[in-house]
mmCIF file of all heavy atoms, coordinates in Angstrom:
data_MODEL
# 
_entry.id   MODEL 
# 
loop_
_atom_site.group_PDB 
_atom_site.id 
_atom_site.type_symbol 
_atom_site.label_atom_id 
_atom_site.label_alt_id 
_atom_site.label_comp_id 
_atom_site.label_asym_id 
_atom_site.label_entity_id 
_atom_site.label_seq_id 
_atom_site.pdbx_PDB_ins_code 
_atom_site.Cartn_x 
_atom_site.Cartn_y 
_atom_site.Cartn_z 
_atom_site.occupancy 
_atom_site.B_iso_or_equiv 
_atom_site.pdbx_formal_charge 
_atom_site.auth_seq_id 
_atom_site.auth_comp_id 
_atom_site.auth_asym_id 
_atom_site.auth_atom_id 
_atom_site.pdbx_PDB_model_num 
ATOM 1   N N   . ASN A 1 1  ? 74.661 6.986  35.418 1.00 0.00 ? 1  ASN A N   1 
ATOM 2   C CA  . ASN A 1 1  ? 73.984 8.290  35.020 1.00 0.00 ? 1  ASN A CA  1 
ATOM 3   C C   . ASN A 1 1  ? 73.310 7.944  33.755 1.00 0.00 ? 1  ASN A C   1 
ATOM 4   O O   . ASN A 1 1  ? 73.401 6.678  33.097 1.00 0.00 ? 1  ASN A O   1 
ATOM 5   C CB  . ASN A 1 1  ? 74.970 9.428  34.818 1.00 0.00 ? 1  ASN A CB  1 
ATOM 6   C CG  . ASN A 1 1  ? 76.055 9.020  33.818 1.00 0.00 ? 1  ASN A CG  1 
ATOM 7   O OD1 . ASN A 1 1  ? 76.210 7.956  33.327 1.00 0.00 ? 1  ASN A OD1 1 
ATOM 8   N ND2 . ASN A 1 1  ? 76.940 9.997  33.714 1.00 0.00 ? 1  ASN A ND2 1 
ATOM 9   N N   . ALA A 1 2  ? 72.682 8.933  33.186 1.00 0.00 ? 2  ALA A N   1 
ATOM 10  C CA  . ALA A 1 2  ? 71.937 8.747  31.880 1.00 0.00 ? 2  ALA A CA  1 
ATOM 11  C C   . ALA A 1 2  ? 72.843 9.306  30.781 1.00 0.00 ? 2  ALA A C   1 
ATOM 12  O O   . ALA A 1 2  ? 73.818 9.784  30.929 1.00 0.00 ? 2  ALA A O   1 
ATOM 13  C CB  . ALA A 1 2  ? 70.668 9.590  31.871 1.00 0.00 ? 2  ALA A CB  1 
ATOM 14  N N   . PRO A 1 3  ? 72.431 8.739  29.543 1.00 0.00 ? 3  PRO A N   1 
ATOM 15  C CA  . PRO A 1 3  ? 73.166 9.362  28.253 1.00 0.00 ? 3  PRO A CA  1 
ATOM 16  C C   . PRO A 1 3  ? 73.096 10.910 28.267 1.00 0.00 ? 3  PRO A C   1 
ATOM 17  O O   . PRO A 1 3  ? 72.270 11.515 28.857 1.00 0.00 ? 3  PRO A O   1 
ATOM 18  C CB  . PRO A 1 3  ? 72.433 8.730  27.134 1.00 0.00 ? 3  PRO A CB  1 
ATOM 19  C CG  . PRO A 1 3  ? 71.854 7.500  27.668 1.00 0.00 ? 3  PRO A CG  1 
ATOM 20  C CD  . PRO A 1 3  ? 71.459 7.832  29.145 1.00 0.00 ? 3  PRO A CD  1 
ATOM 21  N N   . LEU A 1 4  ? 74.069 11.454 27.649 1.00 0.00 ? 4  LEU A N   1 
ATOM 22  C CA  . LEU A 1 4  ? 74.216 12.938 27.628 1.00 0.00 ? 4  LEU A CA  1 
ATOM 23  C C   . LEU A 1 4  ? 73.039 13.665 27.206 1.00 0.00 ? 4  LEU A C   1 
ATOM 24  O O   . LEU A 1 4  ? 72.483 14.760 27.845 1.00 0.00 ? 4  LEU A O   1 
ATOM 25  C CB  . LEU A 1 4  ? 75.425 13.355 26.682 1.00 0.00 ? 4  LEU A CB  1 
ATOM 26  C CG  . LEU A 1 4  ? 76.031 14.830 26.711 1.00 0.00 ? 4  LEU A CG  1 
ATOM 27  C CD1 . LEU A 1 4  ? 76.611 14.990 28.051 1.00 0.00 ? 4  LEU A CD1 1 
ATOM 28  C CD2 . LEU A 1 4  ? 76.868 15.098 25.482 1.00 0.00 ? 4  LEU A CD2 1 
ATOM 29  N N   . ILE A 1 5  ? 72.242 13.148 26.197 1.00 0.00 ? 5  ILE A N   1 
ATOM 30  C CA  . ILE A 1 5  ? 71.090 13.959 25.667 1.00 0.00 ? 5  ILE A CA  1 
ATOM 31  C C   . ILE A 1 5  ? 70.025 14.031 26.744 1.00 0.00 ? 5  ILE A C   1 
ATOM 32  O O   . ILE A 1 5  ? 69.121 14.850 26.681 1.00 0.00 ? 5  ILE A O   1 
ATOM 33  C CB  . ILE A 1 5  ? 70.508 12.998 24.449 1.00 0.00 ? 5  ILE A CB  1 
ATOM 34  C CG1 . ILE A 1 5  ? 69.263 13.722 23.822 1.00 0.00 ? 5  ILE A CG1 1 
ATOM 35  C CG2 . ILE A 1 5  ? 70.114 11.600 24.874 1.00 0.00 ? 5  ILE A CG2 1 
ATOM 36  C CD1 . ILE A 1 5  ? 69.679 14.995 23.191 1.00 0.00 ? 5  ILE A CD1 1 
ATOM 37  N N   . TYR A 1 6  ? 69.895 13.115 27.721 1.00 0.00 ? 6  TYR A N   1 
ATOM 38  C CA  . TYR A 1 6  ? 69.013 13.091 28.773 1.00 0.00 ? 6  TYR A CA  1 
ATOM 39  C C   . TYR A 1 6  ? 69.273 13.890 29.950 1.00 0.00 ? 6  TYR A C   1 
ATOM 40  O O   . TYR A 1 6  ? 68.427 14.094 30.938 1.00 0.00 ? 6  TYR A O   1 
ATOM 41  C CB  . TYR A 1 6  ? 68.740 11.690 29.246 1.00 0.00 ? 6  TYR A CB  1 
ATOM 42  C CG  . TYR A 1 6  ? 67.998 10.808 28.210 1.00 0.00 ? 6  TYR A CG  1 
ATOM 43  C CD1 . TYR A 1 6  ? 68.859 10.100 27.276 1.00 0.00 ? 6  TYR A CD1 1 
ATOM 44  C CD2 . TYR A 1 6  ? 66.653 10.684 28.030 1.00 0.00 ? 6  TYR A CD2 1 
ATOM 45  C CE1 . TYR A 1 6  ? 68.278 9.353  26.278 1.00 0.00 ? 6  TYR A CE1 1 
ATOM 46  C CE2 . TYR A 1 6  ? 66.066 9.927  27.096 1.00 0.00 ? 6  TYR A CE2 1 
ATOM 47  C CZ  . TYR A 1 6  ? 66.869 9.092  26.189 1.00 0.00 ? 6  TYR A CZ  1 
ATOM 48  O OH  . TYR A 1 6  ? 66.278 8.340  25.300 1.00 0.00 ? 6  TYR A OH  1 
ATOM 49  N N   . GLU A 1 7  ? 70.535 14.504 30.084 1.00 0.00 ? 7  GLU A N   1 
ATOM 50  C CA  . GLU A 1 7  ? 70.969 15.335 31.314 1.00 0.00 ? 7  GLU A CA  1 
ATOM 51  C C   . GLU A 1 7  ? 71.733 16.426 31.048 1.00 0.00 ? 7  GLU A C   1 
ATOM 52  O O   . GLU A 1 7  ? 72.187 17.124 31.989 1.00 0.00 ? 7  GLU A O   1 
ATOM 53  C CB  . GLU A 1 7  ? 71.621 14.270 32.183 1.00 0.00 ? 7  GLU A CB  1 
ATOM 54  C CG  . GLU A 1 7  ? 72.891 13.688 31.716 1.00 0.00 ? 7  GLU A CG  1 
ATOM 55  C CD  . GLU A 1 7  ? 73.586 12.926 32.904 1.00 0.00 ? 7  GLU A CD  1 
ATOM 56  O OE1 . GLU A 1 7  ? 72.972 12.333 33.600 1.00 0.00 ? 7  GLU A OE1 1 
ATOM 57  O OE2 . GLU A 1 7  ? 74.965 12.771 32.714 1.00 0.00 ? 7  GLU A OE2 1 
ATOM 58  N N   . ASN A 1 8  ? 72.154 16.721 29.819 1.00 0.00 ? 8  ASN A N   1 
ATOM 59  C CA  . ASN A 1 8  ? 72.922 17.945 29.570 1.00 0.00 ? 8  ASN A CA  1 
ATOM 60  C C   . ASN A 1 8  ? 72.126 19.128 29.365 1.00 0.00 ? 8  ASN A C   1 
ATOM 61  O O   . ASN A 1 8  ? 71.338 19.292 28.399 1.00 0.00 ? 8  ASN A O   1 
ATOM 62  C CB  . ASN A 1 8  ? 73.855 17.822 28.297 1.00 0.00 ? 8  ASN A CB  1 
ATOM 63  C CG  . ASN A 1 8  ? 74.706 18.944 27.959 1.00 0.00 ? 8  ASN A CG  1 
ATOM 64  O OD1 . ASN A 1 8  ? 75.428 19.419 28.975 1.00 0.00 ? 8  ASN A OD1 1 
ATOM 65  N ND2 . ASN A 1 8  ? 74.633 19.403 26.801 1.00 0.00 ? 8  ASN A ND2 1 
ATOM 66  N N   . THR A 1 9  ? 72.181 20.148 30.312 1.00 0.00 ? 9  THR A N   1 
ATOM 67  C CA  . THR A 1 9  ? 71.421 21.328 30.230 1.00 0.00 ? 9  THR A CA  1 
ATOM 68  C C   . THR A 1 9  ? 71.973 22.216 29.201 1.00 0.00 ? 9  THR A C   1 
ATOM 69  O O   . THR A 1 9  ? 73.198 22.357 29.034 1.00 0.00 ? 9  THR A O   1 
ATOM 70  C CB  . THR A 1 9  ? 71.408 22.083 31.616 1.00 0.00 ? 9  THR A CB  1 
ATOM 71  O OG1 . THR A 1 9  ? 72.796 22.246 32.199 1.00 0.00 ? 9  THR A OG1 1 
ATOM 72  C CG2 . THR A 1 9  ? 70.653 21.318 32.668 1.00 0.00 ? 9  THR A CG2 1 
ATOM 73  N N   . THR A 1 10 ? 71.078 22.956 28.414 1.00 0.00 ? 10 THR A N   1 
ATOM 74  C CA  . THR A 1 10 ? 71.370 23.824 27.338 1.00 0.00 ? 10 THR A CA  1 
ATOM 75  C C   . THR A 1 10 ? 71.020 25.156 27.690 1.00 0.00 ? 10 THR A C   1 
ATOM 76  O O   . THR A 1 10 ? 70.407 25.409 28.866 1.00 0.00 ? 10 THR A O   1 
ATOM 77  C CB  . THR A 1 10 ? 70.598 23.309 26.165 1.00 0.00 ? 10 THR A CB  1 
ATOM 78  O OG1 . THR A 1 10 ? 69.226 23.659 26.295 1.00 0.00 ? 10 THR A OG1 1 
ATOM 79  C CG2 . THR A 1 10 ? 70.878 21.747 25.887 1.00 0.00 ? 10 THR A CG2 1 
ATOM 80  N N   . PRO A 1 11 ? 71.189 26.177 26.895 1.00 0.00 ? 11 PRO A N   1 
ATOM 81  C CA  . PRO A 1 11 ? 70.850 27.511 27.104 1.00 0.00 ? 11 PRO A CA  1 
ATOM 82  C C   . PRO A 1 11 ? 69.178 27.718 27.147 1.00 0.00 ? 11 PRO A C   1 
ATOM 83  O O   . PRO A 1 11 ? 68.769 28.814 27.301 1.00 0.00 ? 11 PRO A O   1 
ATOM 84  C CB  . PRO A 1 11 ? 71.472 28.445 26.164 1.00 0.00 ? 11 PRO A CB  1 
ATOM 85  C CG  . PRO A 1 11 ? 72.615 27.673 25.870 1.00 0.00 ? 11 PRO A CG  1 
ATOM 86  C CD  . PRO A 1 11 ? 72.274 26.198 25.866 1.00 0.00 ? 11 PRO A CD  1 
ATOM 87  N N   . ILE A 1 12 ? 68.407 26.696 26.828 1.00 0.00 ? 12 ILE A N   1 
ATOM 88  C CA  . ILE A 1 12 ? 66.927 26.719 26.841 1.00 0.00 ? 12 ILE A CA  1 
ATOM 89  C C   . ILE A 1 12 ? 66.437 26.824 28.207 1.00 0.00 ? 12 ILE A C   1 
ATOM 90  O O   . ILE A 1 12 ? 66.873 25.902 29.068 1.00 0.00 ? 12 ILE A O   1 
ATOM 91  C CB  . ILE A 1 12 ? 66.476 25.531 26.113 1.00 0.00 ? 12 ILE A CB  1 
ATOM 92  C CG1 . ILE A 1 12 ? 66.802 25.422 24.624 1.00 0.00 ? 12 ILE A CG1 1 
ATOM 93  C CG2 . ILE A 1 12 ? 64.930 25.332 26.369 1.00 0.00 ? 12 ILE A CG2 1 
ATOM 94  C CD1 . ILE A 1 12 ? 66.222 26.616 23.862 1.00 0.00 ? 12 ILE A CD1 1 
ATOM 95  N N   . SER A 1 13 ? 65.706 27.808 28.519 1.00 0.00 ? 13 SER A N   1 
ATOM 96  C CA  . SER A 1 13 ? 64.972 27.896 29.784 1.00 0.00 ? 13 SER A CA  1 
ATOM 97  C C   . SER A 1 13 ? 63.508 27.920 29.646 1.00 0.00 ? 13 SER A C   1 
ATOM 98  O O   . SER A 1 13 ? 62.953 28.651 28.795 1.00 0.00 ? 13 SER A O   1 
ATOM 99  C CB  . SER A 1 13 ? 65.384 29.158 30.607 1.00 0.00 ? 13 SER A CB  1 
ATOM 100 O OG  . SER A 1 13 ? 64.625 29.453 31.694 1.00 0.00 ? 13 SER A OG  1 
ATOM 101 N N   . ASP A 1 14 ? 62.810 27.118 30.379 1.00 0.00 ? 14 ASP A N   1 
ATOM 102 C CA  . ASP A 1 14 ? 61.316 27.021 30.314 1.00 0.00 ? 14 ASP A CA  1 
ATOM 103 C C   . ASP A 1 14 ? 60.611 28.004 31.224 1.00 0.00 ? 14 ASP A C   1 
ATOM 104 O O   . ASP A 1 14 ? 59.405 28.103 31.231 1.00 0.00 ? 14 ASP A O   1 
ATOM 105 C CB  . ASP A 1 14 ? 60.844 25.682 30.532 1.00 0.00 ? 14 ASP A CB  1 
ATOM 106 C CG  . ASP A 1 14 ? 61.215 25.133 31.997 1.00 0.00 ? 14 ASP A CG  1 
ATOM 107 O OD1 . ASP A 1 14 ? 61.949 25.815 32.677 1.00 0.00 ? 14 ASP A OD1 1 
ATOM 108 O OD2 . ASP A 1 14 ? 60.930 24.005 32.387 1.00 0.00 ? 14 ASP A OD2 1 
ATOM 109 N N   . LYS A 1 15 ? 61.427 28.893 31.890 1.00 0.00 ? 15 LYS A N   1 
ATOM 110 C CA  . LYS A 1 15 ? 60.819 29.700 32.897 1.00 0.00 ? 15 LYS A CA  1 
ATOM 111 C C   . LYS A 1 15 ? 60.740 31.198 32.425 1.00 0.00 ? 15 LYS A C   1 
ATOM 112 O O   . LYS A 1 15 ? 59.995 31.980 32.990 1.00 0.00 ? 15 LYS A O   1 
ATOM 113 C CB  . LYS A 1 15 ? 61.566 29.611 34.238 1.00 0.00 ? 15 LYS A CB  1 
ATOM 114 C CG  . LYS A 1 15 ? 61.432 28.384 34.919 1.00 0.00 ? 15 LYS A CG  1 
ATOM 115 C CD  . LYS A 1 15 ? 62.149 28.427 36.290 1.00 0.00 ? 15 LYS A CD  1 
ATOM 116 C CE  . LYS A 1 15 ? 61.925 27.061 36.990 1.00 0.00 ? 15 LYS A CE  1 
ATOM 117 N NZ  . LYS A 1 15 ? 62.520 27.175 38.309 1.00 0.00 ? 15 LYS A NZ  1 
ATOM 118 N N   . ALA A 1 16 ? 61.746 31.619 31.480 1.00 0.00 ? 16 ALA A N   1 
ATOM 119 C CA  . ALA A 1 16 ? 61.601 32.990 30.974 1.00 0.00 ? 16 ALA A CA  1 
ATOM 120 C C   . ALA A 1 16 ? 62.190 32.984 29.576 1.00 0.00 ? 16 ALA A C   1 
ATOM 121 O O   . ALA A 1 16 ? 63.183 32.283 29.361 1.00 0.00 ? 16 ALA A O   1 
ATOM 122 C CB  . ALA A 1 16 ? 62.462 33.866 31.957 1.00 0.00 ? 16 ALA A CB  1 
ATOM 123 N N   . ALA A 1 17 ? 61.640 33.896 28.684 1.00 0.00 ? 17 ALA A N   1 
ATOM 124 C CA  . ALA A 1 17 ? 62.148 34.105 27.401 1.00 0.00 ? 17 ALA A CA  1 
ATOM 125 C C   . ALA A 1 17 ? 63.352 34.982 27.443 1.00 0.00 ? 17 ALA A C   1 
ATOM 126 O O   . ALA A 1 17 ? 63.413 35.872 28.223 1.00 0.00 ? 17 ALA A O   1 
ATOM 127 C CB  . ALA A 1 17 ? 61.121 34.582 26.566 1.00 0.00 ? 17 ALA A CB  1 
ATOM 128 N N   . PRO A 1 18 ? 64.268 34.845 26.527 1.00 0.00 ? 18 PRO A N   1 
ATOM 129 C CA  . PRO A 1 18 ? 65.448 35.741 26.506 1.00 0.00 ? 18 PRO A CA  1 
ATOM 130 C C   . PRO A 1 18 ? 65.062 37.110 25.936 1.00 0.00 ? 18 PRO A C   1 
ATOM 131 O O   . PRO A 1 18 ? 64.162 37.208 25.180 1.00 0.00 ? 18 PRO A O   1 
ATOM 132 C CB  . PRO A 1 18 ? 66.450 35.025 25.582 1.00 0.00 ? 18 PRO A CB  1 
ATOM 133 C CG  . PRO A 1 18 ? 65.527 34.231 24.646 1.00 0.00 ? 18 PRO A CG  1 
ATOM 134 C CD  . PRO A 1 18 ? 64.369 33.646 25.541 1.00 0.00 ? 18 PRO A CD  1 
ATOM 135 N N   . ALA A 1 19 ? 65.810 38.067 26.390 1.00 0.00 ? 19 ALA A N   1 
ATOM 136 C CA  . ALA A 1 19 ? 65.522 39.554 25.937 1.00 0.00 ? 19 ALA A CA  1 
ATOM 137 C C   . ALA A 1 19 ? 66.104 39.785 24.441 1.00 0.00 ? 19 ALA A C   1 
ATOM 138 O O   . ALA A 1 19 ? 65.662 40.642 23.852 1.00 0.00 ? 19 ALA A O   1 
ATOM 139 C CB  . ALA A 1 19 ? 66.052 40.458 26.862 1.00 0.00 ? 19 ALA A CB  1 
ATOM 140 N N   . SER A 1 20 ? 67.146 38.959 24.122 1.00 0.00 ? 20 SER A N   1 
ATOM 141 C CA  . SER A 1 20 ? 67.741 39.302 22.882 1.00 0.00 ? 20 SER A CA  1 
ATOM 142 C C   . SER A 1 20 ? 68.591 37.933 22.537 1.00 0.00 ? 20 SER A C   1 
ATOM 143 O O   . SER A 1 20 ? 68.871 37.133 23.532 1.00 0.00 ? 20 SER A O   1 
ATOM 144 C CB  . SER A 1 20 ? 68.693 40.426 22.914 1.00 0.00 ? 20 SER A CB  1 
ATOM 145 O OG  . SER A 1 20 ? 69.700 40.152 23.883 1.00 0.00 ? 20 SER A OG  1 
ATOM 146 N N   . PRO A 1 21 ? 69.158 37.720 21.356 1.00 0.00 ? 21 PRO A N   1 
ATOM 147 C CA  . PRO A 1 21 ? 69.934 36.711 21.200 1.00 0.00 ? 21 PRO A CA  1 
ATOM 148 C C   . PRO A 1 21 ? 71.222 36.588 22.043 1.00 0.00 ? 21 PRO A C   1 
ATOM 149 O O   . PRO A 1 21 ? 71.689 35.515 22.549 1.00 0.00 ? 21 PRO A O   1 
ATOM 150 C CB  . PRO A 1 21 ? 70.475 36.821 19.641 1.00 0.00 ? 21 PRO A CB  1 
ATOM 151 C CG  . PRO A 1 21 ? 69.290 37.601 18.999 1.00 0.00 ? 21 PRO A CG  1 
ATOM 152 C CD  . PRO A 1 21 ? 68.823 38.529 20.047 1.00 0.00 ? 21 PRO A CD  1 
ATOM 153 N N   . ALA A 1 22 ? 71.867 37.732 22.306 1.00 0.00 ? 22 ALA A N   1 
ATOM 154 C CA  . ALA A 1 22 ? 72.997 37.881 23.174 1.00 0.00 ? 22 ALA A CA  1 
ATOM 155 C C   . ALA A 1 22 ? 72.557 37.384 24.623 1.00 0.00 ? 22 ALA A C   1 
ATOM 156 O O   . ALA A 1 22 ? 73.447 36.736 25.226 1.00 0.00 ? 22 ALA A O   1 
ATOM 157 C CB  . ALA A 1 22 ? 73.626 39.192 23.216 1.00 0.00 ? 22 ALA A CB  1 
ATOM 158 N N   . ASP A 1 23 ? 71.507 37.729 25.006 1.00 0.00 ? 23 ASP A N   1 
ATOM 159 C CA  . ASP A 1 23 ? 71.031 37.262 26.343 1.00 0.00 ? 23 ASP A CA  1 
ATOM 160 C C   . ASP A 1 23 ? 70.790 35.915 26.361 1.00 0.00 ? 23 ASP A C   1 
ATOM 161 O O   . ASP A 1 23 ? 71.067 35.271 27.411 1.00 0.00 ? 23 ASP A O   1 
ATOM 162 C CB  . ASP A 1 23 ? 69.774 38.160 26.668 1.00 0.00 ? 23 ASP A CB  1 
ATOM 163 C CG  . ASP A 1 23 ? 69.095 37.707 28.021 1.00 0.00 ? 23 ASP A CG  1 
ATOM 164 O OD1 . ASP A 1 23 ? 69.831 37.612 29.122 1.00 0.00 ? 23 ASP A OD1 1 
ATOM 165 O OD2 . ASP A 1 23 ? 67.887 37.341 28.073 1.00 0.00 ? 23 ASP A OD2 1 
ATOM 166 N N   . PHE A 1 24 ? 70.262 35.291 25.268 1.00 0.00 ? 24 PHE A N   1 
ATOM 167 C CA  . PHE A 1 24 ? 70.028 33.942 25.199 1.00 0.00 ? 24 PHE A CA  1 
ATOM 168 C C   . PHE A 1 24 ? 71.278 33.059 25.548 1.00 0.00 ? 24 PHE A C   1 
ATOM 169 O O   . PHE A 1 24 ? 71.262 32.076 26.141 1.00 0.00 ? 24 PHE A O   1 
ATOM 170 C CB  . PHE A 1 24 ? 69.525 33.602 23.859 1.00 0.00 ? 24 PHE A CB  1 
ATOM 171 C CG  . PHE A 1 24 ? 69.266 32.166 23.581 1.00 0.00 ? 24 PHE A CG  1 
ATOM 172 C CD1 . PHE A 1 24 ? 68.359 31.430 24.387 1.00 0.00 ? 24 PHE A CD1 1 
ATOM 173 C CD2 . PHE A 1 24 ? 69.798 31.536 22.446 1.00 0.00 ? 24 PHE A CD2 1 
ATOM 174 C CE1 . PHE A 1 24 ? 68.177 29.943 24.063 1.00 0.00 ? 24 PHE A CE1 1 
ATOM 175 C CE2 . PHE A 1 24 ? 69.592 30.241 22.101 1.00 0.00 ? 24 PHE A CE2 1 
ATOM 176 C CZ  . PHE A 1 24 ? 68.754 29.490 23.034 1.00 0.00 ? 24 PHE A CZ  1 
ATOM 177 N N   . ILE A 1 25 ? 72.474 33.645 24.911 1.00 0.00 ? 25 ILE A N   1 
ATOM 178 C CA  . ILE A 1 25 ? 73.682 32.870 25.139 1.00 0.00 ? 25 ILE A CA  1 
ATOM 179 C C   . ILE A 1 25 ? 74.329 33.249 26.441 1.00 0.00 ? 25 ILE A C   1 
ATOM 180 O O   . ILE A 1 25 ? 74.731 32.240 27.275 1.00 0.00 ? 25 ILE A O   1 
ATOM 181 C CB  . ILE A 1 25 ? 74.686 33.251 23.956 1.00 0.00 ? 25 ILE A CB  1 
ATOM 182 C CG1 . ILE A 1 25 ? 74.032 32.644 22.561 1.00 0.00 ? 25 ILE A CG1 1 
ATOM 183 C CG2 . ILE A 1 25 ? 75.963 32.511 24.237 1.00 0.00 ? 25 ILE A CG2 1 
ATOM 184 C CD1 . ILE A 1 25 ? 74.857 33.174 21.412 1.00 0.00 ? 25 ILE A CD1 1 
# 
């Protein structure tokens, strides 16, 4: 596999913006 930085998904989504900070998490 790849190092963690190259494959660990985060709460960042490129398809839709969050409605609020709570929604983001």
